[in-house]
Amino acid sequence: MLVRQSRTDIIVVIAVALLALMVAGELGAYAFHPNSYSASAEWDGSTVEYTVESNGSDGYAAVAMQGSSPVEELVIYIDESFDDNLDDAREVCRVLGFDQGSMADQLTKQLSMRGMSEVSEEDSSGLSDFVNSTKADAAGKGIFVAGYALPSSVYTGSASDPIFEWISNGGRLYWASSEIGRFYSDESGIHEVPGNETLFFGTEGCIFGDSAVATETDPAGLCDVFTLQCNDMDYALSMSVPGVLSMGYVHDGFASVSLVGMGAGSVCVFSGTLGIRQTEDMAQVIAAGITDDTVVLDTRQGEVKGETGGSFTGPQDSLYIYIGGVNTVFGRLFVD
C-alpha cells in the first residue's frame, strides 16, 4: 500500500531538520568560539593608549590612576585551628563561621579572571615562612586573611611582631570577616590582644561593632568607578582614621573598603560577611592594585563588541581595565 505524505507533513519535517541544523550550528559555534576577552595598554610619554577586545557585546571601564601597583604574589591564609578555636573566640566577640576552602577557591577564581595567577593557600607554617622570607623587601607581596586570628609566629600583639615589619617593608595585608588583630593563636589556643585597633590604626573605636546595610556610596565616587557591590558594614573601618582611603559603601562614618598606609606597605579592611558580592569586591580592589596612595584621575566607560580603545593624557602611572561591570568577567592592571 502506498502511503502519501501530505504537504503539511513535509513542511514539518523540513522545519524540524532546519531547527536541528540551527541548534547544531549554535552549539558548534559555542564549542569552537567560547567567550574571549583581552586588553592592552602602551605608554608614550604622558599618554597611554589602550585597546579592549571581546567576541561578544559587553560593557567595559578603563580607570587611569596614580599610586596603584600590582600585587605580584598573594597568599590566602587558611587557619588550620579555625574550627577548634571558634567557640572560644565567640565568647569574646561576634565572629563568623564559614568554609575557608570555599572562600579561598572563589577568591582565587575571581582574581584569575582579573589576571592574577600567583595566588596560593598557606597554613600557619606556610604563612610564617612567607612572612619571614620576604619581610626584608615585601613590595609586590600580599596576604589575605578572612579568619579571626593570626599565628603567634607572625603576630602576638606587639609592634615589633614580624607582620608589622613585613607590612612596613612594602607588604599588603588584606583583612575580612572579623575585627583585625583581635586574636593570635598558638598551641594552647587563642589569645585576645588588648588595644588591637591602636596597634594597627593608631586610634581606638575605629571598627564598626554592629551589623548594618549601607545605602550611600563614598563621596569620591570610587564605588561606581570600580563597580563595588557589598554594602554590609560588619567590621567596617572608620573614615576618620588618619590617612585612610575610604571607598565603596558608607554608613555612619564607616566605609566598606578602607586602605591605611603603614610604612611602605598598607592594610586593607573589607567589611561584610563573605558573600559573593564581597568576594568580587575583594578581587576588584586587589587586582586593581589599589593602595592608600591611589588617586583616580579619569575614567572611560563604553561598550565593546569586537575591538575598541581610547587614550588618556596626564600623569597617570597605572591603568585598570575591566569588562562586565557588576558581573566582571575580565580585568587587567597595566603599569607604566
C-alpha atoms as a PDB file:
ATOM      1  CA  MET A   1       0.000   0.000   0.000  1.00  0.00           C
ATOM      2  CA  LEU A   2       1.470   3.375  -0.974  1.00  0.00           C
ATOM      3  CA  VAL A   3       1.423   5.998   1.784  1.00  0.00           C
ATOM      4  CA  ARG A   4       1.448   9.557   0.547  1.00  0.00           C
ATOM      5  CA  GLN A   5       2.780  12.331   2.763  1.00  0.00           C
ATOM      6  CA  SER A   6       0.717  15.471   2.972  1.00  0.00           C
ATOM      7  CA  ARG A   7       2.212  18.849   2.184  1.00  0.00           C
ATOM      8  CA  THR A   8       1.875  19.716   5.870  1.00  0.00           C
ATOM      9  CA  ASP A   9       3.887  16.657   6.939  1.00  0.00           C
ATOM     10  CA  ILE A  10       6.692  17.552   4.530  1.00  0.00           C
ATOM     11  CA  ILE A  11       6.833  21.134   5.828  1.00  0.00           C
ATOM     12  CA  VAL A  12       7.020  19.882   9.430  1.00  0.00           C
ATOM     13  CA  VAL A  13       9.882  17.507   8.575  1.00  0.00           C
ATOM     14  CA  ILE A  14      11.801  20.271   6.830  1.00  0.00           C
ATOM     15  CA  ALA A  15      11.219  22.668   9.731  1.00  0.00           C
ATOM     16  CA  VAL A  16      12.470  20.113  12.266  1.00  0.00           C
ATOM     17  CA  ALA A  17      15.541  19.418  10.146  1.00  0.00           C
ATOM     18  CA  LEU A  18      16.333  23.117   9.824  1.00  0.00           C
ATOM     19  CA  LEU A  19      15.888  23.631  13.566  1.00  0.00           C
ATOM     20  CA  ALA A  20      18.255  20.747  14.257  1.00  0.00           C
ATOM     21  CA  LEU A  21      20.844  22.273  11.944  1.00  0.00           C
ATOM     22  CA  MET A  22      20.497  25.674  13.635  1.00  0.00           C
ATOM     23  CA  VAL A  23      20.914  24.174  17.114  1.00  0.00           C
ATOM     24  CA  ALA A  24      23.901  22.147  15.966  1.00  0.00           C
ATOM     25  CA  GLY A  25      25.404  25.246  14.422  1.00  0.00           C
ATOM     26  CA  GLU A  26      24.954  27.284  17.586  1.00  0.00           C
ATOM     27  CA  LEU A  27      26.429  24.516  19.719  1.00  0.00           C
ATOM     28  CA  GLY A  28      29.323  24.222  17.340  1.00  0.00           C
ATOM     29  CA  ALA A  29      29.927  27.938  17.387  1.00  0.00           C
ATOM     30  CA  TYR A  30      29.867  27.924  21.177  1.00  0.00           C
ATOM     31  CA  ALA A  31      32.186  24.939  21.350  1.00  0.00           C
ATOM     32  CA  PHE A  32      34.741  26.384  18.967  1.00  0.00           C
ATOM     33  CA  HIS A  33      34.297  30.083  19.765  1.00  0.00           C
ATOM     34  CA  PRO A  34      33.914  30.476  23.553  1.00  0.00           C
ATOM     35  CA  ASN A  35      33.806  33.911  25.091  1.00  0.00           C
ATOM     36  CA  SER A  36      37.210  35.579  24.909  1.00  0.00           C
ATOM     37  CA  TYR A  37      38.444  38.896  26.274  1.00  0.00           C
ATOM     38  CA  SER A  38      41.696  40.805  26.153  1.00  0.00           C
ATOM     39  CA  ALA A  39      43.136  44.248  26.726  1.00  0.00           C
ATOM     40  CA  SER A  40      46.412  46.042  26.158  1.00  0.00           C
ATOM     41  CA  ALA A  41      47.939  49.400  27.037  1.00  0.00           C
ATOM     42  CA  GLU A  42      51.030  51.272  25.929  1.00  0.00           C
ATOM     43  CA  TRP A  43      52.548  54.491  27.257  1.00  0.00           C
ATOM     44  CA  ASP A  44      54.118  57.148  25.079  1.00  0.00           C
ATOM     45  CA  GLY A  45      55.312  59.932  27.343  1.00  0.00           C
ATOM     46  CA  SER A  46      52.322  61.283  29.235  1.00  0.00           C
ATOM     47  CA  THR A  47      49.786  59.479  27.021  1.00  0.00           C
ATOM     48  CA  VAL A  48      48.597  55.905  27.405  1.00  0.00           C
ATOM     49  CA  GLU A  49      46.648  54.257  24.619  1.00  0.00           C
ATOM     50  CA  TYR A  50      44.550  51.193  25.353  1.00  0.00           C
ATOM     51  CA  THR A  51      42.637  48.542  23.433  1.00  0.00           C
ATOM     52  CA  VAL A  52      39.824  46.309  24.682  1.00  0.00           C
ATOM     53  CA  GLU A  53      38.583  43.221  22.835  1.00  0.00           C
ATOM     54  CA  SER A  54      35.599  40.892  23.255  1.00  0.00           C
ATOM     55  CA  ASN A  55      33.995  38.413  20.883  1.00  0.00           C
ATOM     56  CA  GLY A  56      30.639  39.224  22.492  1.00  0.00           C
ATOM     57  CA  SER A  57      28.981  42.504  23.386  1.00  0.00           C
ATOM     58  CA  ASP A  58      29.962  43.781  26.818  1.00  0.00           C
ATOM     59  CA  GLY A  59      30.319  46.925  28.857  1.00  0.00           C
ATOM     60  CA  TYR A  60      33.822  47.929  29.917  1.00  0.00           C
ATOM     61  CA  ALA A  61      35.568  50.530  32.042  1.00  0.00           C
ATOM     62  CA  ALA A  62      39.106  51.912  31.891  1.00  0.00           C
ATOM     63  CA  VAL A  63      40.412  53.648  35.017  1.00  0.00           C
ATOM     64  CA  ALA A  64      43.506  55.883  34.857  1.00  0.00           C
ATOM     65  CA  MET A  65      45.259  56.151  38.228  1.00  0.00           C
ATOM     66  CA  GLN A  66      48.291  57.283  40.152  1.00  0.00           C
ATOM     67  CA  GLY A  67      49.681  55.333  43.084  1.00  0.00           C
ATOM     68  CA  SER A  68      48.382  51.854  42.239  1.00  0.00           C
ATOM     69  CA  SER A  69      50.787  48.949  41.824  1.00  0.00           C
ATOM     70  CA  PRO A  70      50.310  45.218  41.198  1.00  0.00           C
ATOM     71  CA  VAL A  71      50.189  42.503  43.820  1.00  0.00           C
ATOM     72  CA  GLU A  72      52.587  40.070  42.181  1.00  0.00           C
ATOM     73  CA  GLU A  73      52.097  37.279  44.723  1.00  0.00           C
ATOM     74  CA  LEU A  74      49.185  36.734  47.105  1.00  0.00           C
ATOM     75  CA  VAL A  75      48.939  34.235  49.959  1.00  0.00           C
ATOM     76  CA  ILE A  76      45.485  33.305  51.284  1.00  0.00           C
ATOM     77  CA  TYR A  77      45.823  32.245  54.905  1.00  0.00           C
ATOM     78  CA  ILE A  78      43.928  29.066  55.821  1.00  0.00           C
ATOM     79  CA  ASP A  79      43.862  28.751  59.608  1.00  0.00           C
ATOM     80  CA  GLU A  80      44.012  25.049  60.488  1.00  0.00           C
ATOM     81  CA  SER A  81      42.805  25.835  64.034  1.00  0.00           C
ATOM     82  CA  PHE A  82      39.827  27.898  62.833  1.00  0.00           C
ATOM     83  CA  ASP A  83      37.115  25.410  63.873  1.00  0.00           C
ATOM     84  CA  ASP A  84      38.884  24.345  67.068  1.00  0.00           C
ATOM     85  CA  ASN A  85      39.061  27.872  68.487  1.00  0.00           C
ATOM     86  CA  LEU A  86      35.837  29.306  67.048  1.00  0.00           C
ATOM     87  CA  ASP A  87      33.726  28.832  70.186  1.00  0.00           C
ATOM     88  CA  ASP A  88      36.398  30.474  72.359  1.00  0.00           C
ATOM     89  CA  ALA A  89      36.556  33.461  70.008  1.00  0.00           C
ATOM     90  CA  ARG A  90      32.788  33.823  70.106  1.00  0.00           C
ATOM     91  CA  GLU A  91      32.876  34.127  73.899  1.00  0.00           C
ATOM     92  CA  VAL A  92      34.785  37.384  73.408  1.00  0.00           C
ATOM     93  CA  CYS A  93      33.144  38.955  70.363  1.00  0.00           C
ATOM     94  CA  ARG A  94      30.974  38.268  67.338  1.00  0.00           C
ATOM     95  CA  VAL A  95      32.865  36.019  64.919  1.00  0.00           C
ATOM     96  CA  LEU A  96      31.633  34.470  61.677  1.00  0.00           C
ATOM     97  CA  GLY A  97      31.876  30.798  60.821  1.00  0.00           C
ATOM     98  CA  PHE A  98      32.427  29.774  57.207  1.00  0.00           C
ATOM     99  CA  ASP A  99      34.154  27.310  54.898  1.00  0.00           C
ATOM    100  CA  GLN A 100      37.675  28.649  54.415  1.00  0.00           C
ATOM    101  CA  GLY A 101      38.346  26.361  51.447  1.00  0.00           C
ATOM    102  CA  SER A 102      35.285  27.506  49.520  1.00  0.00           C
ATOM    103  CA  MET A 103      36.095  31.140  50.229  1.00  0.00           C
ATOM    104  CA  ALA A 104      39.665  30.700  49.003  1.00  0.00           C
ATOM    105  CA  ASP A 105      38.536  28.869  45.860  1.00  0.00           C
ATOM    106  CA  GLN A 106      36.050  31.609  44.964  1.00  0.00           C
ATOM    107  CA  LEU A 107      38.528  34.417  45.575  1.00  0.00           C
ATOM    108  CA  THR A 108      41.215  32.619  43.566  1.00  0.00           C
ATOM    109  CA  LYS A 109      38.832  32.255  40.606  1.00  0.00           C
ATOM    110  CA  GLN A 110      37.804  35.900  40.780  1.00  0.00           C
ATOM    111  CA  LEU A 111      41.438  37.007  40.876  1.00  0.00           C
ATOM    112  CA  SER A 112      42.338  34.721  37.973  1.00  0.00           C
ATOM    113  CA  MET A 113      39.698  36.408  35.792  1.00  0.00           C
ATOM    114  CA  ARG A 114      41.427  39.670  36.606  1.00  0.00           C
ATOM    115  CA  GLY A 115      44.870  38.483  35.553  1.00  0.00           C
ATOM    116  CA  MET A 116      46.330  37.292  38.878  1.00  0.00           C
ATOM    117  CA  SER A 117      47.797  33.786  38.745  1.00  0.00           C
ATOM    118  CA  GLU A 118      50.343  33.845  41.589  1.00  0.00           C
ATOM    119  CA  VAL A 119      47.812  33.031  44.323  1.00  0.00           C
ATOM    120  CA  SER A 120      48.356  30.264  46.881  1.00  0.00           C
ATOM    121  CA  GLU A 121      46.838  28.947  50.100  1.00  0.00           C
ATOM    122  CA  GLU A 122      49.030  28.532  53.180  1.00  0.00           C
ATOM    123  CA  ASP A 123      48.509  27.251  56.713  1.00  0.00           C
ATOM    124  CA  SER A 124      50.176  28.835  59.751  1.00  0.00           C
ATOM    125  CA  SER A 125      53.562  27.283  58.980  1.00  0.00           C
ATOM    126  CA  GLY A 126      53.442  28.366  55.346  1.00  0.00           C
ATOM    127  CA  LEU A 127      52.322  31.877  56.310  1.00  0.00           C
ATOM    128  CA  SER A 128      55.194  32.179  58.773  1.00  0.00           C
ATOM    129  CA  ASP A 129      57.701  31.044  56.148  1.00  0.00           C
ATOM    130  CA  PHE A 130      56.273  33.544  53.642  1.00  0.00           C
ATOM    131  CA  VAL A 131      56.389  36.489  56.046  1.00  0.00           C
ATOM    132  CA  ASN A 132      59.867  35.760  57.345  1.00  0.00           C
ATOM    133  CA  SER A 133      61.379  35.034  53.941  1.00  0.00           C
ATOM    134  CA  THR A 134      60.004  38.228  52.343  1.00  0.00           C
ATOM    135  CA  LYS A 135      59.861  40.741  55.212  1.00  0.00           C
ATOM    136  CA  ALA A 136      63.153  42.416  54.249  1.00  0.00           C
ATOM    137  CA  ASP A 137      61.546  43.517  50.971  1.00  0.00           C
ATOM    138  CA  ALA A 138      57.825  42.734  50.765  1.00  0.00           C
ATOM    139  CA  ALA A 139      56.980  45.023  47.828  1.00  0.00           C
ATOM    140  CA  GLY A 140      54.500  43.324  45.493  1.00  0.00           C
ATOM    141  CA  LYS A 141      53.547  40.738  48.144  1.00  0.00           C
ATOM    142  CA  GLY A 142      50.086  40.347  49.662  1.00  0.00           C
ATOM    143  CA  ILE A 143      48.437  38.340  52.439  1.00  0.00           C
ATOM    144  CA  PHE A 144      44.698  37.801  52.622  1.00  0.00           C
ATOM    145  CA  VAL A 145      43.140  36.877  55.980  1.00  0.00           C
ATOM    146  CA  ALA A 146      39.480  36.013  56.436  1.00  0.00           C
ATOM    147  CA  GLY A 147      39.772  34.256  59.772  1.00  0.00           C
ATOM    148  CA  TYR A 148      39.836  35.848  63.210  1.00  0.00           C
ATOM    149  CA  ALA A 149      43.405  35.147  64.383  1.00  0.00           C
ATOM    150  CA  LEU A 150      46.961  35.209  63.086  1.00  0.00           C
ATOM    151  CA  PRO A 151      49.500  32.624  64.278  1.00  0.00           C
ATOM    152  CA  SER A 152      51.898  33.651  67.048  1.00  0.00           C
ATOM    153  CA  SER A 153      54.827  33.085  64.688  1.00  0.00           C
ATOM    154  CA  VAL A 154      53.924  36.371  62.938  1.00  0.00           C
ATOM    155  CA  TYR A 155      51.707  38.243  65.442  1.00  0.00           C
ATOM    156  CA  THR A 156      51.382  38.418  69.220  1.00  0.00           C
ATOM    157  CA  GLY A 157      50.039  41.930  69.686  1.00  0.00           C
ATOM    158  CA  SER A 158      53.443  43.639  69.798  1.00  0.00           C
ATOM    159  CA  ALA A 159      54.546  46.453  67.498  1.00  0.00           C
ATOM    160  CA  SER A 160      57.775  44.509  66.917  1.00  0.00           C
ATOM    161  CA  ASP A 161      55.971  41.457  65.502  1.00  0.00           C
ATOM    162  CA  PRO A 162      57.122  40.131  62.097  1.00  0.00           C
ATOM    163  CA  ILE A 163      53.807  41.013  60.422  1.00  0.00           C
ATOM    164  CA  PHE A 164      54.361  44.735  61.106  1.00  0.00           C
ATOM    165  CA  GLU A 165      57.920  44.631  59.789  1.00  0.00           C
ATOM    166  CA  TRP A 166      56.587  42.836  56.707  1.00  0.00           C
ATOM    167  CA  ILE A 167      53.898  45.482  56.075  1.00  0.00           C
ATOM    168  CA  SER A 168      56.259  48.390  56.744  1.00  0.00           C
ATOM    169  CA  ASN A 169      58.669  46.997  54.147  1.00  0.00           C
ATOM    170  CA  GLY A 170      56.059  47.056  51.388  1.00  0.00           C
ATOM    171  CA  GLY A 171      53.663  44.189  52.120  1.00  0.00           C
ATOM    172  CA  ARG A 172      49.901  44.488  51.803  1.00  0.00           C
ATOM    173  CA  LEU A 173      47.655  42.879  54.394  1.00  0.00           C
ATOM    174  CA  TYR A 174      44.015  42.338  53.351  1.00  0.00           C
ATOM    175  CA  TRP A 175      41.570  41.534  56.151  1.00  0.00           C
ATOM    176  CA  ALA A 176      37.911  40.485  56.016  1.00  0.00           C
ATOM    177  CA  SER A 177      35.073  38.986  58.090  1.00  0.00           C
ATOM    178  CA  SER A 178      36.382  39.790  61.577  1.00  0.00           C
ATOM    179  CA  GLU A 179      37.915  42.506  63.753  1.00  0.00           C
ATOM    180  CA  ILE A 180      41.502  42.866  62.596  1.00  0.00           C
ATOM    181  CA  GLY A 181      44.165  41.825  65.100  1.00  0.00           C
ATOM    182  CA  ARG A 182      41.748  40.897  67.902  1.00  0.00           C
ATOM    183  CA  PHE A 183      43.359  37.486  68.469  1.00  0.00           C
ATOM    184  CA  TYR A 184      46.506  35.487  67.892  1.00  0.00           C
ATOM    185  CA  SER A 185      46.757  31.714  68.158  1.00  0.00           C
ATOM    186  CA  ASP A 186      49.331  29.198  69.365  1.00  0.00           C
ATOM    187  CA  GLU A 187      49.411  25.589  70.516  1.00  0.00           C
ATOM    188  CA  SER A 188      47.343  26.422  73.615  1.00  0.00           C
ATOM    189  CA  GLY A 189      44.512  28.148  71.719  1.00  0.00           C
ATOM    190  CA  ILE A 190      43.688  31.780  71.007  1.00  0.00           C
ATOM    191  CA  HIS A 191      44.647  34.876  72.966  1.00  0.00           C
ATOM    192  CA  GLU A 192      42.943  38.267  72.932  1.00  0.00           C
ATOM    193  CA  VAL A 193      45.038  41.325  72.090  1.00  0.00           C
ATOM    194  CA  PRO A 194      44.101  44.468  74.030  1.00  0.00           C
ATOM    195  CA  GLY A 195      44.423  47.675  72.038  1.00  0.00           C
ATOM    196  CA  ASN A 196      44.435  45.933  68.660  1.00  0.00           C
ATOM    197  CA  GLU A 197      42.809  48.929  66.930  1.00  0.00           C
ATOM    198  CA  THR A 198      45.505  51.304  68.173  1.00  0.00           C
ATOM    199  CA  LEU A 199      48.186  48.834  67.181  1.00  0.00           C
ATOM    200  CA  PHE A 200      47.027  48.808  63.558  1.00  0.00           C
ATOM    201  CA  PHE A 201      45.464  52.257  63.113  1.00  0.00           C
ATOM    202  CA  GLY A 202      46.662  54.478  65.960  1.00  0.00           C
ATOM    203  CA  THR A 203      43.201  55.013  67.437  1.00  0.00           C
ATOM    204  CA  GLU A 204      40.522  53.154  69.365  1.00  0.00           C
ATOM    205  CA  GLY A 205      36.850  52.703  68.442  1.00  0.00           C
ATOM    206  CA  CYS A 206      37.530  52.764  64.698  1.00  0.00           C
ATOM    207  CA  ILE A 207      35.948  49.384  63.825  1.00  0.00           C
ATOM    208  CA  PHE A 208      32.178  49.203  63.317  1.00  0.00           C
ATOM    209  CA  GLY A 209      30.845  46.997  66.076  1.00  0.00           C
ATOM    210  CA  ASP A 210      27.410  46.137  64.705  1.00  0.00           C
ATOM    211  CA  SER A 211      25.574  44.990  61.569  1.00  0.00           C
ATOM    212  CA  ALA A 212      24.069  47.460  59.122  1.00  0.00           C
ATOM    213  CA  VAL A 213      23.244  47.777  55.443  1.00  0.00           C
ATOM    214  CA  ALA A 214      24.550  50.973  53.852  1.00  0.00           C
ATOM    215  CA  THR A 215      22.541  52.895  51.268  1.00  0.00           C
ATOM    216  CA  GLU A 216      25.074  55.605  50.382  1.00  0.00           C
ATOM    217  CA  THR A 217      28.340  55.375  48.449  1.00  0.00           C
ATOM    218  CA  ASP A 218      31.697  57.042  49.067  1.00  0.00           C
ATOM    219  CA  PRO A 219      31.883  60.798  48.340  1.00  0.00           C
ATOM    220  CA  ALA A 220      34.752  60.353  45.849  1.00  0.00           C
ATOM    221  CA  GLY A 221      32.640  58.092  43.630  1.00  0.00           C
ATOM    222  CA  LEU A 222      35.101  55.206  43.757  1.00  0.00           C
ATOM    223  CA  CYS A 223      32.284  52.752  44.434  1.00  0.00           C
ATOM    224  CA  ASP A 224      30.884  53.440  40.971  1.00  0.00           C
ATOM    225  CA  VAL A 225      34.303  53.644  39.298  1.00  0.00           C
ATOM    226  CA  PHE A 226      35.185  50.094  40.367  1.00  0.00           C
ATOM    227  CA  THR A 227      31.595  48.766  40.483  1.00  0.00           C
ATOM    228  CA  LEU A 228      31.815  47.749  44.141  1.00  0.00           C
ATOM    229  CA  GLN A 229      28.766  45.924  45.450  1.00  0.00           C
ATOM    230  CA  CYS A 230      28.986  44.899  49.109  1.00  0.00           C
ATOM    231  CA  ASN A 231      27.056  47.227  51.405  1.00  0.00           C
ATOM    232  CA  ASP A 232      27.145  45.068  54.552  1.00  0.00           C
ATOM    233  CA  MET A 233      29.014  47.072  57.183  1.00  0.00           C
ATOM    234  CA  ASP A 234      30.153  44.342  59.582  1.00  0.00           C
ATOM    235  CA  TYR A 235      33.711  45.180  60.785  1.00  0.00           C
ATOM    236  CA  ALA A 236      33.926  48.315  58.595  1.00  0.00           C
ATOM    237  CA  LEU A 237      36.658  50.852  59.354  1.00  0.00           C
ATOM    238  CA  SER A 238      36.045  54.475  60.320  1.00  0.00           C
ATOM    239  CA  MET A 239      36.541  57.136  57.648  1.00  0.00           C
ATOM    240  CA  SER A 240      38.223  59.307  60.311  1.00  0.00           C
ATOM    241  CA  VAL A 241      41.304  57.066  60.675  1.00  0.00           C
ATOM    242  CA  PRO A 242      44.329  59.235  59.781  1.00  0.00           C
ATOM    243  CA  GLY A 243      45.461  58.742  56.188  1.00  0.00           C
ATOM    244  CA  VAL A 244      42.670  56.297  55.289  1.00  0.00           C
ATOM    245  CA  LEU A 245      41.411  55.883  51.723  1.00  0.00           C
ATOM    246  CA  SER A 246      37.700  55.086  52.116  1.00  0.00           C
ATOM    247  CA  MET A 247      35.724  53.624  49.237  1.00  0.00           C
ATOM    248  CA  GLY A 248      32.652  51.551  48.491  1.00  0.00           C
ATOM    249  CA  TYR A 249      29.534  51.986  50.616  1.00  0.00           C
ATOM    250  CA  VAL A 250      29.441  54.245  53.660  1.00  0.00           C
ATOM    251  CA  HIS A 251      27.293  54.279  56.791  1.00  0.00           C
ATOM    252  CA  ASP A 252      27.510  56.460  59.890  1.00  0.00           C
ATOM    253  CA  GLY A 253      31.112  57.446  59.129  1.00  0.00           C
ATOM    254  CA  PHE A 254      32.365  53.938  58.238  1.00  0.00           C
ATOM    255  CA  ALA A 255      33.300  52.551  54.804  1.00  0.00           C
ATOM    256  CA  SER A 256      33.011  49.080  53.295  1.00  0.00           C
ATOM    257  CA  VAL A 257      36.571  49.209  51.892  1.00  0.00           C
ATOM    258  CA  SER A 258      39.368  51.025  53.715  1.00  0.00           C
ATOM    259  CA  LEU A 259      43.098  51.272  52.996  1.00  0.00           C
ATOM    260  CA  VAL A 260      45.603  52.635  55.507  1.00  0.00           C
ATOM    261  CA  GLY A 261      49.323  53.104  54.919  1.00  0.00           C
ATOM    262  CA  MET A 262      51.933  51.574  57.213  1.00  0.00           C
ATOM    263  CA  GLY A 263      55.478  52.425  56.229  1.00  0.00           C
ATOM    264  CA  ALA A 264      55.977  51.352  52.613  1.00  0.00           C
ATOM    265  CA  GLY A 265      53.005  48.968  52.780  1.00  0.00           C
ATOM    266  CA  SER A 266      49.316  49.112  53.595  1.00  0.00           C
ATOM    267  CA  VAL A 267      46.445  47.454  55.429  1.00  0.00           C
ATOM    268  CA  CYS A 268      43.112  46.977  53.669  1.00  0.00           C
ATOM    269  CA  VAL A 269      39.916  46.170  55.585  1.00  0.00           C
ATOM    270  CA  PHE A 270      36.820  44.811  53.813  1.00  0.00           C
ATOM    271  CA  SER A 271      33.520  44.904  55.652  1.00  0.00           C
ATOM    272  CA  GLY A 272      30.838  42.266  55.158  1.00  0.00           C
ATOM    273  CA  THR A 273      30.124  38.602  55.727  1.00  0.00           C
ATOM    274  CA  LEU A 274      31.929  36.821  52.863  1.00  0.00           C
ATOM    275  CA  GLY A 275      29.094  36.664  50.343  1.00  0.00           C
ATOM    276  CA  ILE A 276      29.704  36.670  46.599  1.00  0.00           C
ATOM    277  CA  ARG A 277      29.416  40.478  46.417  1.00  0.00           C
ATOM    278  CA  GLN A 278      32.157  40.890  48.984  1.00  0.00           C
ATOM    279  CA  THR A 279      34.385  38.333  47.258  1.00  0.00           C
ATOM    280  CA  GLU A 280      34.044  40.188  43.950  1.00  0.00           C
ATOM    281  CA  ASP A 281      34.838  43.500  45.651  1.00  0.00           C
ATOM    282  CA  MET A 282      37.928  42.000  47.246  1.00  0.00           C
ATOM    283  CA  ALA A 283      39.132  40.648  43.911  1.00  0.00           C
ATOM    284  CA  GLN A 284      38.491  44.006  42.211  1.00  0.00           C
ATOM    285  CA  VAL A 285      40.442  46.022  44.783  1.00  0.00           C
ATOM    286  CA  ILE A 286      43.359  43.575  44.947  1.00  0.00           C
ATOM    287  CA  ALA A 287      43.636  43.082  41.183  1.00  0.00           C
ATOM    288  CA  ALA A 288      43.433  46.835  40.519  1.00  0.00           C
ATOM    289  CA  GLY A 289      46.472  47.274  42.766  1.00  0.00           C
ATOM    290  CA  ILE A 290      44.729  49.915  44.868  1.00  0.00           C
ATOM    291  CA  THR A 291      46.762  51.277  47.783  1.00  0.00           C
ATOM    292  CA  ASP A 292      46.208  54.063  50.289  1.00  0.00           C
ATOM    293  CA  ASP A 293      48.079  56.326  47.819  1.00  0.00           C
ATOM    294  CA  THR A 294      45.805  55.560  44.846  1.00  0.00           C
ATOM    295  CA  VAL A 295      44.240  58.538  43.097  1.00  0.00           C
ATOM    296  CA  VAL A 296      41.742  58.027  40.276  1.00  0.00           C
ATOM    297  CA  LEU A 297      42.440  60.636  37.611  1.00  0.00           C
ATOM    298  CA  ASP A 298      39.990  59.787  34.842  1.00  0.00           C
ATOM    299  CA  THR A 299      37.703  57.031  33.606  1.00  0.00           C
ATOM    300  CA  ARG A 300      36.220  55.804  30.334  1.00  0.00           C
ATOM    301  CA  GLN A 301      33.138  53.607  30.069  1.00  0.00           C
ATOM    302  CA  GLY A 302      31.569  52.116  26.980  1.00  0.00           C
ATOM    303  CA  GLU A 303      30.583  49.040  25.035  1.00  0.00           C
ATOM    304  CA  VAL A 304      32.972  46.659  23.338  1.00  0.00           C
ATOM    305  CA  LYS A 305      31.884  44.362  20.538  1.00  0.00           C
ATOM    306  CA  GLY A 306      34.944  43.148  18.734  1.00  0.00           C
ATOM    307  CA  GLU A 307      37.548  45.810  19.449  1.00  0.00           C
ATOM    308  CA  THR A 308      37.523  49.318  20.836  1.00  0.00           C
ATOM    309  CA  GLY A 309      40.019  51.617  22.505  1.00  0.00           C
ATOM    310  CA  GLY A 310      40.936  55.065  23.656  1.00  0.00           C
ATOM    311  CA  SER A 311      43.614  57.080  25.414  1.00  0.00           C
ATOM    312  CA  PHE A 312      44.372  59.151  28.497  1.00  0.00           C
ATOM    313  CA  THR A 313      46.808  62.031  28.683  1.00  0.00           C
ATOM    314  CA  GLY A 314      48.112  63.111  32.065  1.00  0.00           C
ATOM    315  CA  PRO A 315      50.281  61.983  34.961  1.00  0.00           C
ATOM    316  CA  GLN A 316      48.731  58.501  35.244  1.00  0.00           C
ATOM    317  CA  ASP A 317      51.158  55.686  36.033  1.00  0.00           C
ATOM    318  CA  SER A 318      48.647  52.833  36.067  1.00  0.00           C
ATOM    319  CA  LEU A 319      45.548  51.764  34.175  1.00  0.00           C
ATOM    320  CA  TYR A 320      42.939  49.204  35.199  1.00  0.00           C
ATOM    321  CA  ILE A 321      40.579  47.835  32.558  1.00  0.00           C
ATOM    322  CA  TYR A 322      37.675  45.561  33.370  1.00  0.00           C
ATOM    323  CA  ILE A 323      34.812  44.074  31.377  1.00  0.00           C
ATOM    324  CA  GLY A 324      31.348  43.164  32.636  1.00  0.00           C
ATOM    325  CA  GLY A 325      30.603  45.669  35.389  1.00  0.00           C
ATOM    326  CA  VAL A 326      28.664  44.004  38.224  1.00  0.00           C
ATOM    327  CA  ASN A 327      29.374  40.616  36.680  1.00  0.00           C
ATOM    328  CA  THR A 328      33.035  41.244  35.915  1.00  0.00           C
ATOM    329  CA  VAL A 329      34.424  38.610  33.545  1.00  0.00           C
ATOM    330  CA  PHE A 330      37.833  40.129  32.825  1.00  0.00           C
ATOM    331  CA  GLY A 331      40.235  42.604  34.367  1.00  0.00           C
ATOM    332  CA  ARG A 332      43.840  43.686  33.862  1.00  0.00           C
ATOM    333  CA  LEU A 333      46.149  46.180  35.547  1.00  0.00           C
ATOM    334  CA  PHE A 334      48.781  47.938  33.435  1.00  0.00           C
ATOM    335  CA  VAL A 335      51.653  49.943  34.913  1.00  0.00           C
ATOM    336  CA  ASP A 336      53.924  52.417  33.168  1.00  0.00           C
END
